[in-house]
Amino acid sequence: MTNHSTGDAIAEVFRRAAEVVQTNGLNQGGFCDISVPFFSGAAFAGGRPVCTVGAMRVAVGLSPIPVNWDEPLGDADPLSDAHPLVSEAVAFLSERVHSPIVDEDIVERVADWNDREGRTADEVAAELLSAAEAVAA
């Protein structure tokens, strides 16, 4: 359970992340689509499509890709350089999304949901906005 001010802050992360996904598009299989040329004039992440977790990172002013992501996957923590609100938002969202992943890896749970075949940017944005309402309640 979050307190009211923290819930409001997390809700803002969700709302902003929804805007990022709606603006840039949804990426599946990674934090962002680095094959898309970076456009410095873009509102978010150089205009590159982002995944759900990447969008939450961008929502607080971070790169969608964690700084340690070039480490071997067994050692990389995609939230190690993230703002605490991103970690709390990912944890909250991981409890809401449907995924067969049941272990403690909240990022993998959200990533599995994000990467489902046929998942759309509109679906992700809708879930993020729904999560914003729920966490702020």
C-alpha atoms as a PDB file:
ATOM      1  CA  MET A   1       0.000   0.000   0.000  1.00  0.00           C
ATOM      2  CA  THR A   2       1.330   3.442  -0.886  1.00  0.00           C
ATOM      3  CA  ASN A   3       0.643   6.686   0.900  1.00  0.00           C
ATOM      4  CA  HIS A   4      -1.424   9.321  -0.890  1.00  0.00           C
ATOM      5  CA  SER A   5       1.436  11.571  -2.028  1.00  0.00           C
ATOM      6  CA  THR A   6       3.521   8.610  -3.230  1.00  0.00           C
ATOM      7  CA  GLY A   7       0.464   7.198  -4.999  1.00  0.00           C
ATOM      8  CA  ASP A   8      -0.059  10.505  -6.773  1.00  0.00           C
ATOM      9  CA  ALA A   9       3.598  10.585  -7.846  1.00  0.00           C
ATOM     10  CA  ILE A  10       3.442   7.019  -9.161  1.00  0.00           C
ATOM     11  CA  ALA A  11       0.202   7.869 -10.962  1.00  0.00           C
ATOM     12  CA  GLU A  12       2.023  10.705 -12.709  1.00  0.00           C
ATOM     13  CA  VAL A  13       4.748   8.266 -13.822  1.00  0.00           C
ATOM     14  CA  PHE A  14       2.029   6.024 -15.296  1.00  0.00           C
ATOM     15  CA  ARG A  15       0.287   8.932 -17.054  1.00  0.00           C
ATOM     16  CA  ARG A  16       3.526  10.248 -18.494  1.00  0.00           C
ATOM     17  CA  ALA A  17       4.604   6.732 -19.563  1.00  0.00           C
ATOM     18  CA  ALA A  18       1.272   6.309 -21.364  1.00  0.00           C
ATOM     19  CA  GLU A  19       1.969   9.543 -23.226  1.00  0.00           C
ATOM     20  CA  VAL A  20       5.448   8.294 -24.169  1.00  0.00           C
ATOM     21  CA  VAL A  21       4.074   5.011 -25.567  1.00  0.00           C
ATOM     22  CA  GLN A  22       1.286   6.774 -27.427  1.00  0.00           C
ATOM     23  CA  THR A  23       3.735   9.277 -28.915  1.00  0.00           C
ATOM     24  CA  ASN A  24       6.663   6.992 -29.742  1.00  0.00           C
ATOM     25  CA  GLY A  25       4.963   3.649 -30.250  1.00  0.00           C
ATOM     26  CA  LEU A  26       5.449   0.313 -28.515  1.00  0.00           C
ATOM     27  CA  ASN A  27       8.649  -1.696 -28.684  1.00  0.00           C
ATOM     28  CA  GLN A  28       8.682  -5.397 -27.934  1.00  0.00           C
ATOM     29  CA  GLY A  29      11.711  -7.478 -27.051  1.00  0.00           C
ATOM     30  CA  GLY A  30      13.808  -4.630 -25.640  1.00  0.00           C
ATOM     31  CA  PHE A  31      13.680  -1.318 -23.842  1.00  0.00           C
ATOM     32  CA  CYS A  32      13.648   0.700 -27.067  1.00  0.00           C
ATOM     33  CA  ASP A  33      14.087   0.180 -30.768  1.00  0.00           C
ATOM     34  CA  ILE A  34      17.637   1.358 -31.399  1.00  0.00           C
ATOM     35  CA  SER A  35      17.271   0.620 -35.115  1.00  0.00           C
ATOM     36  CA  VAL A  36      15.089   3.742 -35.384  1.00  0.00           C
ATOM     37  CA  PRO A  37      17.302   6.774 -35.967  1.00  0.00           C
ATOM     38  CA  PHE A  38      17.512   9.063 -32.937  1.00  0.00           C
ATOM     39  CA  PHE A  39      15.784  12.387 -33.591  1.00  0.00           C
ATOM     40  CA  SER A  40      16.926  15.076 -31.152  1.00  0.00           C
ATOM     41  CA  GLY A  41      13.792  17.152 -31.785  1.00  0.00           C
ATOM     42  CA  ALA A  42      11.464  14.379 -30.635  1.00  0.00           C
ATOM     43  CA  ALA A  43       9.528  14.851 -27.415  1.00  0.00           C
ATOM     44  CA  PHE A  44      10.635  11.538 -25.876  1.00  0.00           C
ATOM     45  CA  ALA A  45      13.613   9.178 -26.237  1.00  0.00           C
ATOM     46  CA  GLY A  46      14.590  10.522 -29.624  1.00  0.00           C
ATOM     47  CA  GLY A  47      11.283   9.332 -31.061  1.00  0.00           C
ATOM     48  CA  ARG A  48      12.206   5.678 -30.671  1.00  0.00           C
ATOM     49  CA  PRO A  49       9.480   3.151 -29.759  1.00  0.00           C
ATOM     50  CA  VAL A  50       9.795   1.994 -26.157  1.00  0.00           C
ATOM     51  CA  CYS A  51       8.561  -0.881 -24.025  1.00  0.00           C
ATOM     52  CA  THR A  52       6.424  -0.381 -20.935  1.00  0.00           C
ATOM     53  CA  VAL A  53       9.376  -0.278 -18.521  1.00  0.00           C
ATOM     54  CA  GLY A  54      11.360   1.902 -20.931  1.00  0.00           C
ATOM     55  CA  ALA A  55       8.427   4.321 -21.078  1.00  0.00           C
ATOM     56  CA  MET A  56       8.339   4.552 -17.277  1.00  0.00           C
ATOM     57  CA  ARG A  57      12.074   5.286 -17.262  1.00  0.00           C
ATOM     58  CA  VAL A  58      11.596   8.019 -19.866  1.00  0.00           C
ATOM     59  CA  ALA A  59       8.678   9.409 -17.831  1.00  0.00           C
ATOM     60  CA  VAL A  60      11.101  10.401 -15.056  1.00  0.00           C
ATOM     61  CA  GLY A  61      13.784  11.752 -17.390  1.00  0.00           C
ATOM     62  CA  LEU A  62      15.969   8.668 -17.801  1.00  0.00           C
ATOM     63  CA  SER A  63      17.105   6.887 -20.912  1.00  0.00           C
ATOM     64  CA  PRO A  64      14.807   3.973 -21.736  1.00  0.00           C
ATOM     65  CA  ILE A  65      17.865   1.706 -21.675  1.00  0.00           C
ATOM     66  CA  PRO A  66      19.517   1.129 -18.268  1.00  0.00           C
ATOM     67  CA  VAL A  67      23.166   2.149 -18.012  1.00  0.00           C
ATOM     68  CA  ASN A  68      24.194  -1.388 -17.026  1.00  0.00           C
ATOM     69  CA  TRP A  69      22.349  -3.158 -19.815  1.00  0.00           C
ATOM     70  CA  ASP A  70      25.550  -4.079 -21.658  1.00  0.00           C
ATOM     71  CA  GLU A  71      26.532  -6.355 -18.753  1.00  0.00           C
ATOM     72  CA  PRO A  72      25.809 -10.081 -19.016  1.00  0.00           C
ATOM     73  CA  LEU A  73      22.074 -10.578 -18.572  1.00  0.00           C
ATOM     74  CA  GLY A  74      22.552 -12.596 -15.415  1.00  0.00           C
ATOM     75  CA  ASP A  75      24.141  -9.598 -13.699  1.00  0.00           C
ATOM     76  CA  ALA A  76      22.181  -6.702 -15.163  1.00  0.00           C
ATOM     77  CA  ASP A  77      19.499  -5.028 -13.052  1.00  0.00           C
ATOM     78  CA  PRO A  78      17.245  -2.910 -15.268  1.00  0.00           C
ATOM     79  CA  LEU A  79      16.131  -0.823 -12.287  1.00  0.00           C
ATOM     80  CA  SER A  80      19.534  -0.236 -10.653  1.00  0.00           C
ATOM     81  CA  ASP A  81      19.866   3.270 -12.090  1.00  0.00           C
ATOM     82  CA  ALA A  82      16.143   4.067 -12.032  1.00  0.00           C
ATOM     83  CA  HIS A  83      14.333   6.614  -9.904  1.00  0.00           C
ATOM     84  CA  PRO A  84      12.619   4.942  -6.916  1.00  0.00           C
ATOM     85  CA  LEU A  85       9.221   5.887  -8.381  1.00  0.00           C
ATOM     86  CA  VAL A  86      10.000   3.774 -11.451  1.00  0.00           C
ATOM     87  CA  SER A  87      10.731   0.760  -9.260  1.00  0.00           C
ATOM     88  CA  GLU A  88       7.502   1.314  -7.339  1.00  0.00           C
ATOM     89  CA  ALA A  89       5.526   1.789 -10.556  1.00  0.00           C
ATOM     90  CA  VAL A  90       6.938  -1.407 -12.085  1.00  0.00           C
ATOM     91  CA  ALA A  91       6.143  -3.312  -8.878  1.00  0.00           C
ATOM     92  CA  PHE A  92       2.576  -1.981  -8.839  1.00  0.00           C
ATOM     93  CA  LEU A  93       2.022  -2.751 -12.524  1.00  0.00           C
ATOM     94  CA  SER A  94       3.506  -6.247 -12.201  1.00  0.00           C
ATOM     95  CA  GLU A  95       0.673  -7.131  -9.815  1.00  0.00           C
ATOM     96  CA  ARG A  96      -1.952  -5.967 -12.325  1.00  0.00           C
ATOM     97  CA  VAL A  97      -0.831  -7.518 -15.604  1.00  0.00           C
ATOM     98  CA  HIS A  98      -1.498 -11.083 -16.672  1.00  0.00           C
ATOM     99  CA  SER A  99       1.716 -13.052 -17.042  1.00  0.00           C
ATOM    100  CA  PRO A 100       2.676 -16.665 -16.400  1.00  0.00           C
ATOM    101  CA  ILE A 101       5.840 -15.427 -14.685  1.00  0.00           C
ATOM    102  CA  VAL A 102       5.213 -15.843 -10.971  1.00  0.00           C
ATOM    103  CA  ASP A 103       8.652 -15.277  -9.448  1.00  0.00           C
ATOM    104  CA  GLU A 104       9.873 -12.070  -7.848  1.00  0.00           C
ATOM    105  CA  ASP A 105      11.240 -10.588 -11.077  1.00  0.00           C
ATOM    106  CA  ILE A 106       8.832  -7.698 -11.536  1.00  0.00           C
ATOM    107  CA  VAL A 107      10.570  -6.425 -14.667  1.00  0.00           C
ATOM    108  CA  GLU A 108      10.354  -9.812 -16.401  1.00  0.00           C
ATOM    109  CA  ARG A 109       6.677 -10.075 -15.473  1.00  0.00           C
ATOM    110  CA  VAL A 110       5.900  -6.679 -17.029  1.00  0.00           C
ATOM    111  CA  ALA A 111       8.161  -7.450 -20.006  1.00  0.00           C
ATOM    112  CA  ASP A 112       6.354 -10.736 -20.644  1.00  0.00           C
ATOM    113  CA  TRP A 113       3.026  -8.888 -20.680  1.00  0.00           C
ATOM    114  CA  ASN A 114       4.457  -6.114 -22.893  1.00  0.00           C
ATOM    115  CA  ASP A 115       5.921  -8.598 -25.374  1.00  0.00           C
ATOM    116  CA  ARG A 116       2.791 -10.687 -25.929  1.00  0.00           C
ATOM    117  CA  GLU A 117       2.098 -11.174 -29.608  1.00  0.00           C
ATOM    118  CA  GLY A 118      -0.419  -8.639 -30.828  1.00  0.00           C
ATOM    119  CA  ARG A 119       0.041  -6.255 -27.874  1.00  0.00           C
ATOM    120  CA  THR A 120      -0.514  -2.678 -29.034  1.00  0.00           C
ATOM    121  CA  ALA A 121       0.616   0.737 -27.865  1.00  0.00           C
ATOM    122  CA  ASP A 122      -3.036   1.595 -27.208  1.00  0.00           C
ATOM    123  CA  GLU A 123      -3.421  -1.437 -24.913  1.00  0.00           C
ATOM    124  CA  VAL A 124      -0.291  -0.547 -22.985  1.00  0.00           C
ATOM    125  CA  ALA A 125      -1.309   3.104 -22.662  1.00  0.00           C
ATOM    126  CA  ALA A 126      -4.784   2.073 -21.469  1.00  0.00           C
ATOM    127  CA  GLU A 127      -3.304  -0.218 -18.791  1.00  0.00           C
ATOM    128  CA  LEU A 128      -0.905   2.491 -17.663  1.00  0.00           C
ATOM    129  CA  LEU A 129      -3.765   4.995 -17.355  1.00  0.00           C
ATOM    130  CA  SER A 130      -5.866   2.437 -15.486  1.00  0.00           C
ATOM    131  CA  ALA A 131      -2.930   1.800 -13.133  1.00  0.00           C
ATOM    132  CA  ALA A 132      -2.629   5.564 -12.583  1.00  0.00           C
ATOM    133  CA  GLU A 133      -6.226   5.712 -11.423  1.00  0.00           C
ATOM    134  CA  ALA A 134      -5.828   2.662  -9.186  1.00  0.00           C
ATOM    135  CA  VAL A 135      -2.613   3.763  -7.483  1.00  0.00           C
ATOM    136  CA  ALA A 136      -3.948   7.266  -6.815  1.00  0.00           C
ATOM    137  CA  ALA A 137      -7.188   5.971  -5.270  1.00  0.00           C
END
